[in-house]
């Protein structure tokens, strides 16, 4: 009797594992050619207008913050 229960448990575990593996394959697998999707638009890179850095008209501190 114990051996019959053991065999049934092994068969039950095998069935559960196979069902879960099949469920995962169906969840993540792609089904055929999905031609209903619209075509993707090309990504456009936006380029910012480069402006020159502002000029510092303060000639008093042209050598940095040196204290003398």
N, C-alpha and C. Protein backbone atom coordinates (compact mmCIF):
# COMPACT_ATOMS: atom_id res chain seq x y z
N UNK A 1 0.82 -1.20 0.00
CA UNK A 1 0.00 0.00 0.00
C UNK A 1 0.86 1.26 0.00
N UNK A 2 1.94 1.24 0.78
CA UNK A 2 2.82 2.40 0.81
C UNK A 2 3.49 2.62 -0.54
N UNK A 3 3.78 1.53 -1.22
CA UNK A 3 4.43 1.64 -2.52
C UNK A 3 3.48 2.23 -3.56
N UNK A 4 2.21 1.91 -3.48
CA UNK A 4 1.22 2.47 -4.40
C UNK A 4 1.07 3.97 -4.17
N UNK A 5 1.04 4.40 -2.91
CA UNK A 5 0.96 5.83 -2.60
C UNK A 5 2.20 6.56 -3.11
N UNK A 6 3.32 5.92 -2.98
CA UNK A 6 4.58 6.54 -3.43
C UNK A 6 4.57 6.72 -4.94
N UNK A 7 4.13 5.71 -5.68
CA UNK A 7 4.07 5.80 -7.14
C UNK A 7 3.06 6.87 -7.56
N UNK A 8 1.94 6.93 -6.88
CA UNK A 8 0.94 7.95 -7.20
C UNK A 8 1.47 9.36 -6.93
N UNK A 9 2.22 9.53 -5.86
CA UNK A 9 2.81 10.84 -5.56
C UNK A 9 3.82 11.24 -6.63
N UNK A 10 4.62 10.29 -7.08
CA UNK A 10 5.61 10.59 -8.12
C UNK A 10 4.91 10.97 -9.41
N UNK A 11 3.86 10.24 -9.77
CA UNK A 11 3.12 10.55 -10.99
C UNK A 11 2.45 11.91 -10.86
N UNK A 12 1.87 12.20 -9.71
CA UNK A 12 1.22 13.49 -9.49
C UNK A 12 2.22 14.64 -9.59
N UNK A 13 3.39 14.48 -9.00
CA UNK A 13 4.42 15.52 -9.09
C UNK A 13 4.87 15.72 -10.54
N UNK A 14 5.00 14.65 -11.30
CA UNK A 14 5.41 14.75 -12.70
C UNK A 14 4.35 15.50 -13.51
N UNK A 15 3.09 15.22 -13.24
CA UNK A 15 2.01 15.90 -13.96
C UNK A 15 2.01 17.39 -13.62
N UNK A 16 2.18 17.71 -12.35
CA UNK A 16 2.19 19.12 -11.93
C UNK A 16 3.35 19.87 -12.59
N UNK A 17 4.53 19.26 -12.60
CA UNK A 17 5.68 19.91 -13.21
C UNK A 17 5.48 20.11 -14.71
N UNK A 18 4.95 19.12 -15.39
CA UNK A 18 4.76 19.25 -16.83
C UNK A 18 3.71 20.31 -17.15
N UNK A 19 2.66 20.40 -16.34
CA UNK A 19 1.63 21.41 -16.59
C UNK A 19 2.19 22.80 -16.37
N UNK A 20 3.00 22.99 -15.34
CA UNK A 20 3.57 24.32 -15.10
C UNK A 20 4.55 24.71 -16.20
N UNK A 21 5.32 23.75 -16.70
CA UNK A 21 6.25 24.07 -17.79
C UNK A 21 5.48 24.43 -19.05
N UNK A 22 4.42 23.72 -19.34
CA UNK A 22 3.62 24.05 -20.52
C UNK A 22 2.96 25.42 -20.37
N UNK A 23 2.52 25.76 -19.19
CA UNK A 23 1.90 27.06 -18.96
C UNK A 23 2.92 28.18 -19.17
N UNK A 24 4.14 27.97 -18.73
CA UNK A 24 5.17 29.00 -18.91
C UNK A 24 5.51 29.15 -20.38
N UNK A 25 5.56 28.05 -21.12
CA UNK A 25 5.89 28.15 -22.55
C UNK A 25 4.79 28.91 -23.29
N UNK A 26 3.56 28.70 -22.93
CA UNK A 26 2.46 29.41 -23.58
C UNK A 26 2.43 30.88 -23.18
N UNK A 27 2.84 31.18 -21.98
CA UNK A 27 2.79 32.56 -21.51
C UNK A 27 3.87 33.41 -22.17
N UNK A 28 5.05 32.85 -22.38
CA UNK A 28 6.17 33.64 -22.88
C UNK A 28 6.48 33.39 -24.35
N UNK A 29 5.89 32.39 -24.94
CA UNK A 29 6.18 32.08 -26.33
C UNK A 29 5.43 32.99 -27.27
N UNK A 30 5.98 33.19 -28.45
CA UNK A 30 5.30 34.00 -29.46
C UNK A 30 4.50 33.08 -30.35
N UNK A 31 3.31 33.49 -30.67
CA UNK A 31 2.44 32.66 -31.48
C UNK A 31 2.42 33.19 -32.91
N UNK A 32 3.19 32.58 -33.77
CA UNK A 32 3.14 32.91 -35.18
C UNK A 32 3.60 34.32 -35.50
N UNK A 33 3.21 34.77 -36.68
CA UNK A 33 3.59 36.10 -37.16
C UNK A 33 2.51 37.09 -36.76
N UNK A 34 2.87 38.05 -35.96
CA UNK A 34 1.90 39.05 -35.50
C UNK A 34 1.94 40.23 -36.47
N UNK A 35 1.22 40.11 -37.58
CA UNK A 35 1.26 41.16 -38.60
C UNK A 35 0.21 42.24 -38.36
N UNK A 36 -0.52 42.17 -37.26
CA UNK A 36 -1.53 43.18 -36.98
C UNK A 36 -0.94 44.45 -36.38
N UNK A 37 0.31 44.39 -35.99
CA UNK A 37 0.92 45.56 -35.36
C UNK A 37 1.27 46.60 -36.41
N UNK A 38 1.09 47.87 -36.09
CA UNK A 38 1.51 48.91 -37.04
C UNK A 38 3.03 49.01 -37.07
N UNK A 39 3.59 49.47 -38.17
CA UNK A 39 5.05 49.60 -38.24
C UNK A 39 5.55 50.65 -37.26
N UNK A 40 6.73 50.41 -36.74
CA UNK A 40 7.32 51.35 -35.78
C UNK A 40 7.86 52.56 -36.52
N UNK A 41 7.70 53.71 -35.90
CA UNK A 41 8.28 54.92 -36.45
C UNK A 41 9.75 54.97 -36.09
N UNK A 42 10.55 55.52 -37.00
CA UNK A 42 11.97 55.63 -36.71
C UNK A 42 12.18 56.65 -35.60
N UNK A 43 13.08 56.33 -34.71
CA UNK A 43 13.36 57.26 -33.62
C UNK A 43 14.21 58.40 -34.14
N UNK A 44 13.79 59.57 -33.79
CA UNK A 44 14.51 60.76 -34.23
C UNK A 44 15.27 61.33 -33.05
N UNK A 45 16.53 61.60 -33.27
CA UNK A 45 17.37 62.17 -32.22
C UNK A 45 17.24 63.68 -32.29
N UNK A 46 16.82 64.26 -31.18
CA UNK A 46 16.68 65.70 -31.13
C UNK A 46 18.04 66.32 -30.81
N UNK A 47 18.48 67.19 -31.68
CA UNK A 47 19.76 67.88 -31.46
C UNK A 47 19.47 69.28 -30.95
N UNK A 48 20.07 69.60 -29.84
CA UNK A 48 19.88 70.95 -29.29
C UNK A 48 20.79 71.92 -30.03
N UNK A 49 20.30 73.14 -30.18
CA UNK A 49 21.12 74.17 -30.79
C UNK A 49 22.26 74.50 -29.83
N UNK A 50 23.46 74.35 -30.33
CA UNK A 50 24.62 74.61 -29.47
C UNK A 50 24.92 76.10 -29.48
N UNK A 51 24.92 76.69 -28.30
CA UNK A 51 25.24 78.09 -28.16
C UNK A 51 26.61 78.20 -27.51
N UNK A 52 27.39 79.18 -27.92
CA UNK A 52 28.70 79.35 -27.28
C UNK A 52 28.51 79.76 -25.82
N UNK A 53 29.46 79.40 -24.97
CA UNK A 53 29.32 79.79 -23.57
C UNK A 53 29.38 81.30 -23.42
N UNK A 54 28.68 81.82 -22.43
CA UNK A 54 28.68 83.29 -22.27
C UNK A 54 30.08 83.79 -21.90
N UNK A 55 30.43 84.93 -22.45
CA UNK A 55 31.76 85.48 -22.17
C UNK A 55 31.71 86.26 -20.86
N UNK A 56 32.74 86.10 -20.09
CA UNK A 56 32.83 86.80 -18.82
C UNK A 56 33.50 88.14 -19.06
N UNK A 57 32.76 89.20 -18.87
CA UNK A 57 33.32 90.53 -19.12
C UNK A 57 34.00 91.10 -17.88
N UNK A 58 34.01 90.32 -16.80
CA UNK A 58 34.62 90.78 -15.56
C UNK A 58 36.11 90.46 -15.61
N UNK A 59 36.91 91.42 -16.02
CA UNK A 59 38.35 91.18 -16.16
C UNK A 59 39.07 91.26 -14.82
N UNK A 60 38.41 91.72 -13.79
CA UNK A 60 39.03 91.86 -12.47
C UNK A 60 39.39 90.49 -11.91
N UNK A 61 38.55 89.48 -12.12
CA UNK A 61 38.79 88.14 -11.59
C UNK A 61 39.23 87.18 -12.68
N UNK A 62 40.00 87.66 -13.64
CA UNK A 62 40.38 86.82 -14.75
C UNK A 62 41.41 85.76 -14.33
N UNK A 63 42.16 86.00 -13.23
CA UNK A 63 43.17 85.04 -12.79
C UNK A 63 42.62 84.09 -11.72
N UNK A 64 41.38 84.01 -11.54
CA UNK A 64 40.81 83.12 -10.54
C UNK A 64 40.60 83.84 -9.23
N UNK A 65 40.44 83.07 -8.20
CA UNK A 65 40.17 83.64 -6.88
C UNK A 65 41.45 83.63 -6.04
N UNK A 66 42.43 84.26 -6.51
CA UNK A 66 43.69 84.31 -5.75
C UNK A 66 43.63 85.44 -4.74
N UNK A 67 43.99 85.10 -3.54
CA UNK A 67 44.04 86.12 -2.50
C UNK A 67 45.51 86.45 -2.25
N UNK A 68 45.81 87.73 -2.21
CA UNK A 68 47.17 88.05 -2.20
C UNK A 68 47.79 88.67 -1.11
